[in-house]
Amino acid sequence: MLPRAIAPPRRSRSAREKQDQSPLAFASAASHKWYIASKTIFEFLLALVLLALAAPVLLLLAVCIKVTSRGPVLYAQKRVGKGGRPYLLYKLRTMIHDCEKESGPLWSIPGDPRVTPVGRLLRRSHLDELPQLWNVLKGDMSLIGPRPERPEFVATLERVIPNYRQRLQLRPGITGLAQVQLPADTDLKSVARKLSYDLYYARVLNPWLDFRILLCTGLYMVGVPFHQLRRIFRFPSPERVEGASGSAALPIPALDHAQTA
């Protein structure tokens, strides 16, 4: 769990509401309403096709997980969706069973000892994310959007990082502008940096950007480095994205040992 000692003072309800109702929070809602509606339909159909194609791979991976470690094949974890609504996210299990029973929610770290040998391969290839296609079919997620966060951390992140809740204006995504350009979160600085990408995506949301992110995701899964992907797909520079919101440049207090799987 997040240490109590580092939790900043709680902001007033009016302050939070003012932040959530800022022009930035609704920048994409009016101008891109037509695309958000069509995007939902398109992603449902594409997720249906991808899930059907992935079924044999999922079956093979399920057998590998089952015969190499104790516990269920699928891992269900509560995440925060659009508008703050909680839902269950599904992944192939990559860690030992009940890995947070003693420690509570923790961020994953490089070389995490809780990750199984098969899980390490799944994480590297991102094949553990395939069951989230079911979340897209259920309407909990999009193929492309902000990374879904765990509810155990959202309250603290909202208090520490300005504008954090604005990322909830869109459904969370299996992939996204932040996911294909930045490594996994390890501290609050990295969370603030990804927030800049999430807010930028919400403002400029369009079919051409989504198409590039989908293609980029395929190359990212086979190991193409972040900096090459940015150049190949002509994504905006980090200076442009991070400077637009300023979240990544803000002084963020450190959270020692606040890590989540």
Protein backbone atom coordinates (compact mmCIF):
# COMPACT_ATOMS: atom_id res chain seq x y z
CA MET A 1 0.00 0.00 0.00
CA LEU A 2 1.09 3.62 -0.39
CA PRO A 3 2.90 4.82 2.74
CA ARG A 4 0.74 7.15 4.82
CA ALA A 5 3.67 9.41 5.60
CA ILE A 6 4.05 10.69 2.06
CA ALA A 7 0.39 11.32 1.29
CA PRO A 8 -0.01 15.09 0.68
CA PRO A 9 -2.75 17.15 2.29
CA ARG A 10 -6.17 16.44 0.87
CA ARG A 11 -7.48 19.17 -1.40
CA SER A 12 -10.93 20.55 -0.92
CA ARG A 13 -13.87 19.21 -2.91
CA SER A 14 -14.27 22.54 -4.70
CA ALA A 15 -10.60 22.51 -5.75
CA ARG A 16 -10.92 19.03 -7.23
CA GLU A 17 -14.13 19.97 -9.03
CA LYS A 18 -12.50 23.09 -10.48
CA GLN A 19 -9.65 20.96 -11.82
CA ASP A 20 -11.98 18.36 -13.32
CA GLN A 21 -14.09 21.03 -15.02
CA SER A 22 -11.19 22.94 -16.57
CA PRO A 23 -11.26 23.57 -20.36
CA LEU A 24 -8.49 21.02 -20.80
CA ALA A 25 -10.66 18.25 -19.33
CA PHE A 26 -13.28 18.68 -22.04
CA ALA A 27 -11.03 19.68 -24.92
CA SER A 28 -11.80 16.52 -26.89
CA ALA A 29 -15.41 15.94 -25.86
CA ALA A 30 -17.08 18.44 -28.21
CA SER A 31 -14.72 18.53 -31.19
CA HIS A 32 -14.19 14.76 -31.39
CA LYS A 33 -17.57 13.45 -30.28
CA TRP A 34 -18.31 12.00 -33.71
CA TYR A 35 -15.02 10.12 -33.81
CA ILE A 36 -15.32 8.75 -30.28
CA ALA A 37 -18.66 7.17 -31.24
CA SER A 38 -17.32 5.61 -34.45
CA LYS A 39 -14.11 4.56 -32.68
CA THR A 40 -16.15 2.53 -30.17
CA ILE A 41 -17.89 0.59 -32.94
CA PHE A 42 -14.70 0.04 -34.94
CA GLU A 43 -12.73 -1.12 -31.91
CA PHE A 44 -15.46 -3.57 -30.91
CA LEU A 45 -15.35 -5.19 -34.36
CA LEU A 46 -11.55 -5.21 -34.48
CA ALA A 47 -11.30 -6.66 -30.96
CA LEU A 48 -13.73 -9.42 -31.96
CA VAL A 49 -11.55 -10.35 -34.94
CA LEU A 50 -8.32 -10.16 -32.95
CA LEU A 51 -9.72 -12.29 -30.13
CA ALA A 52 -10.78 -14.97 -32.61
CA LEU A 53 -7.33 -14.96 -34.23
CA ALA A 54 -5.61 -15.00 -30.85
CA ALA A 55 -7.65 -17.90 -29.45
CA PRO A 56 -5.12 -20.65 -30.43
CA VAL A 57 -2.25 -18.57 -29.02
CA LEU A 58 -4.15 -17.98 -25.78
CA LEU A 59 -4.82 -21.71 -25.44
CA LEU A 60 -1.13 -22.54 -25.90
CA LEU A 61 -0.06 -19.85 -23.42
CA ALA A 62 -2.64 -21.07 -20.90
CA VAL A 63 -1.14 -24.56 -21.01
CA CYS A 64 2.38 -23.16 -20.53
CA ILE A 65 1.30 -21.11 -17.51
CA LYS A 66 -0.62 -23.98 -15.95
CA VAL A 67 2.18 -26.55 -16.19
CA THR A 68 4.96 -24.21 -14.99
CA SER A 69 3.42 -22.50 -11.95
CA ARG A 70 0.69 -22.94 -9.37
CA GLY A 71 -2.46 -20.85 -9.64
CA PRO A 72 -5.05 -19.74 -12.20
CA VAL A 73 -4.18 -18.92 -15.80
CA LEU A 74 -6.10 -15.66 -15.87
CA TYR A 75 -5.46 -12.80 -13.46
CA ALA A 76 -8.34 -10.40 -12.73
CA GLN A 77 -7.43 -7.05 -11.21
CA LYS A 78 -9.61 -4.06 -10.37
CA ARG A 79 -8.82 -0.94 -12.41
CA VAL A 80 -10.34 2.52 -12.81
CA GLY A 81 -12.21 3.14 -16.06
CA LYS A 82 -13.90 6.06 -17.75
CA GLY A 83 -15.34 8.56 -15.30
CA GLY A 84 -13.71 6.76 -12.38
CA ARG A 85 -15.90 3.65 -12.72
CA PRO A 86 -14.10 0.51 -11.46
CA TYR A 87 -13.99 -2.66 -13.54
CA LEU A 88 -12.10 -5.97 -13.64
CA LEU A 89 -9.18 -6.10 -16.06
CA TYR A 90 -8.11 -9.54 -17.32
CA LYS A 91 -4.53 -10.59 -18.04
CA LEU A 92 -2.61 -13.81 -18.35
CA ARG A 93 -0.96 -14.41 -14.98
CA THR A 94 2.75 -13.55 -15.10
CA MET A 95 3.55 -13.59 -11.38
CA ILE A 96 3.45 -16.22 -8.67
CA HIS A 97 -0.01 -16.88 -7.27
CA ASP A 98 -1.14 -14.47 -4.49
CA CYS A 99 2.06 -12.44 -4.89
CA GLU A 100 0.55 -9.44 -3.04
CA LYS A 101 -0.96 -11.40 -0.16
CA GLU A 102 1.69 -10.23 2.32
CA SER A 103 2.90 -6.98 0.75
CA GLY A 104 -0.31 -5.43 -0.58
CA PRO A 105 -0.46 -3.60 -3.95
CA LEU A 106 3.01 -2.87 -5.35
CA TRP A 107 4.34 -1.51 -8.63
CA SER A 108 6.41 -3.97 -10.61
CA ILE A 109 10.16 -3.27 -10.67
CA PRO A 110 12.92 -4.32 -13.11
CA GLY A 111 13.92 -7.90 -12.36
CA ASP A 112 10.88 -8.37 -10.12
CA PRO A 113 11.36 -11.72 -8.30
CA ARG A 114 7.59 -12.30 -8.30
CA VAL A 115 7.54 -12.76 -12.08
CA THR A 116 7.62 -16.38 -13.26
CA PRO A 117 9.95 -17.54 -16.09
CA VAL A 118 7.01 -17.85 -18.50
CA GLY A 119 5.62 -14.57 -17.20
CA ARG A 120 8.88 -12.83 -18.04
CA LEU A 121 8.51 -13.85 -21.68
CA LEU A 122 4.86 -12.83 -21.72
CA ARG A 123 5.65 -9.40 -20.31
CA ARG A 124 8.49 -8.83 -22.75
CA SER A 125 6.24 -9.67 -25.72
CA HIS A 126 3.11 -8.11 -24.10
CA LEU A 127 1.13 -11.26 -24.94
CA ASP A 128 -0.16 -11.22 -21.36
CA GLU A 129 -2.37 -8.29 -22.44
CA LEU A 130 -4.38 -10.34 -24.98
CA PRO A 131 -7.28 -11.17 -22.58
CA GLN A 132 -7.98 -7.43 -22.38
CA LEU A 133 -9.62 -7.79 -25.79
CA TRP A 134 -12.54 -9.20 -23.78
CA ASN A 135 -12.59 -5.94 -21.78
CA VAL A 136 -12.92 -4.06 -25.07
CA LEU A 137 -15.88 -6.23 -26.09
CA LYS A 138 -17.51 -5.58 -22.71
CA GLY A 139 -17.11 -1.82 -23.15
CA ASP A 140 -14.74 -1.38 -20.20
CA MET A 141 -11.76 -0.47 -22.36
CA SER A 142 -10.68 0.80 -25.75
CA LEU A 143 -7.95 -0.62 -27.93
CA ILE A 144 -6.27 2.79 -27.70
CA GLY A 145 -6.42 5.10 -24.70
CA PRO A 146 -4.76 6.00 -21.38
CA ARG A 147 -3.24 3.17 -19.36
CA PRO A 148 -5.75 1.92 -16.74
CA GLU A 149 -4.61 2.52 -13.16
CA ARG A 150 -5.41 0.60 -9.98
CA PRO A 151 -7.90 2.23 -7.58
CA GLU A 152 -5.52 1.75 -4.64
CA PHE A 153 -3.28 4.45 -6.15
CA VAL A 154 -5.66 6.81 -7.95
CA ALA A 155 -6.66 8.82 -4.86
CA THR A 156 -3.04 9.61 -3.99
CA LEU A 157 -2.07 10.27 -7.62
CA GLU A 158 -4.95 12.73 -7.95
CA ARG A 159 -3.73 14.67 -4.93
CA VAL A 160 -0.07 14.68 -5.95
CA ILE A 161 -0.26 15.18 -9.74
CA PRO A 162 -2.32 18.13 -11.06
CA ASN A 163 -4.92 17.29 -13.74
CA TYR A 164 -4.50 13.54 -13.16
CA ARG A 165 -8.24 12.84 -13.14
CA GLN A 166 -8.67 14.39 -16.59
CA ARG A 167 -7.28 11.21 -18.15
CA LEU A 168 -10.53 9.52 -17.10
CA GLN A 169 -12.49 11.43 -19.75
CA LEU A 170 -11.68 8.54 -22.12
CA ARG A 171 -11.93 4.80 -21.71
CA PRO A 172 -8.54 3.27 -20.79
CA GLY A 173 -6.71 1.48 -23.58
CA ILE A 174 -4.77 -1.73 -24.11
CA THR A 175 -2.25 0.44 -25.93
CA GLY A 176 -1.86 4.17 -26.30
CA LEU A 177 0.38 7.11 -27.15
CA ALA A 178 2.11 6.88 -23.76
CA GLN A 179 2.36 3.07 -23.70
CA VAL A 180 4.23 2.82 -27.03
CA GLN A 181 6.69 5.63 -26.27
CA LEU A 182 7.50 5.32 -22.57
CA PRO A 183 8.62 2.44 -20.32
CA ALA A 184 6.49 1.06 -17.50
CA ASP A 185 5.78 3.29 -14.49
CA THR A 186 8.33 3.05 -11.68
CA ASP A 187 7.66 6.24 -9.69
CA LEU A 188 5.51 9.36 -9.62
CA LYS A 189 7.75 11.19 -12.08
CA SER A 190 7.08 8.53 -14.70
CA VAL A 191 3.33 8.66 -13.95
CA ALA A 192 3.33 12.45 -14.40
CA ARG A 193 5.19 12.09 -17.67
CA LYS A 194 2.68 9.57 -19.02
CA LEU A 195 -0.13 11.88 -17.97
CA SER A 196 1.23 14.49 -20.40
CA TYR A 197 0.88 11.98 -23.24
CA ASP A 198 -2.62 10.96 -22.14
CA LEU A 199 -3.82 14.58 -22.08
CA TYR A 200 -2.19 15.31 -25.43
CA TYR A 201 -3.91 12.26 -26.93
CA ALA A 202 -7.29 13.41 -25.57
CA ARG A 203 -6.85 16.84 -27.17
CA VAL A 204 -5.75 15.73 -30.65
CA LEU A 205 -7.69 12.46 -30.87
CA ASN A 206 -8.15 11.52 -34.56
CA PRO A 207 -8.21 8.44 -36.85
CA TRP A 208 -4.72 9.02 -38.28
CA LEU A 209 -3.16 9.13 -34.81
CA ASP A 210 -4.98 5.95 -33.75
CA PHE A 211 -3.91 4.17 -36.94
CA ARG A 212 -0.25 5.03 -36.29
CA ILE A 213 -0.51 3.90 -32.66
CA LEU A 214 -1.92 0.52 -33.74
CA LEU A 215 0.91 -0.02 -36.25
CA CYS A 216 3.42 1.21 -33.70
CA THR A 217 2.11 -1.27 -31.12
CA GLY A 218 2.83 -4.19 -33.45
CA LEU A 219 6.45 -3.10 -33.89
CA TYR A 220 6.80 -2.35 -30.17
CA MET A 221 5.72 -5.92 -29.36
CA VAL A 222 8.57 -7.33 -31.47
CA GLY A 223 11.14 -5.14 -29.75
CA VAL A 224 11.57 -1.93 -31.78
CA PRO A 225 12.97 0.76 -29.39
CA PHE A 226 10.87 3.74 -28.28
CA HIS A 227 13.02 6.39 -29.97
CA GLN A 228 12.88 4.62 -33.32
CA LEU A 229 9.11 4.26 -33.13
CA ARG A 230 8.74 7.99 -32.50
CA ARG A 231 10.80 8.78 -35.59
CA ILE A 232 9.17 6.17 -37.85
CA PHE A 233 5.61 7.23 -37.05
CA ARG A 234 6.38 10.94 -36.73
CA PHE A 235 4.91 11.24 -33.27
CA PRO A 236 5.22 14.65 -31.59
CA SER A 237 8.46 15.27 -29.72
CA PRO A 238 8.61 14.79 -25.93
CA GLU A 239 9.20 18.52 -25.53
CA ARG A 240 6.00 19.32 -27.40
CA VAL A 241 3.87 16.76 -25.55
CA GLU A 242 5.23 17.27 -22.06
CA GLY A 243 5.39 21.03 -22.39
CA ALA A 244 1.71 21.22 -23.38
CA SER A 245 0.45 20.21 -19.93
CA GLY A 246 3.49 20.85 -17.79
CA SER A 247 2.68 17.84 -15.59
CA ALA A 248 6.02 16.16 -16.19
CA ALA A 249 7.94 19.28 -15.14
CA LEU A 250 6.14 19.77 -11.83
CA PRO A 251 7.95 19.00 -8.54
CA ILE A 252 6.62 15.57 -7.52
CA PRO A 253 7.43 14.11 -4.08
CA ALA A 254 9.08 10.72 -4.07
CA LEU A 255 7.14 7.63 -2.99
CA ASP A 256 9.64 5.06 -1.80
CA HIS A 257 8.49 1.46 -2.23
CA ALA A 258 5.20 2.56 -3.82
CA GLN A 259 5.16 0.10 -6.65
CA THR A 260 2.34 -1.82 -8.25
CA ALA A 261 2.13 -4.97 -10.37
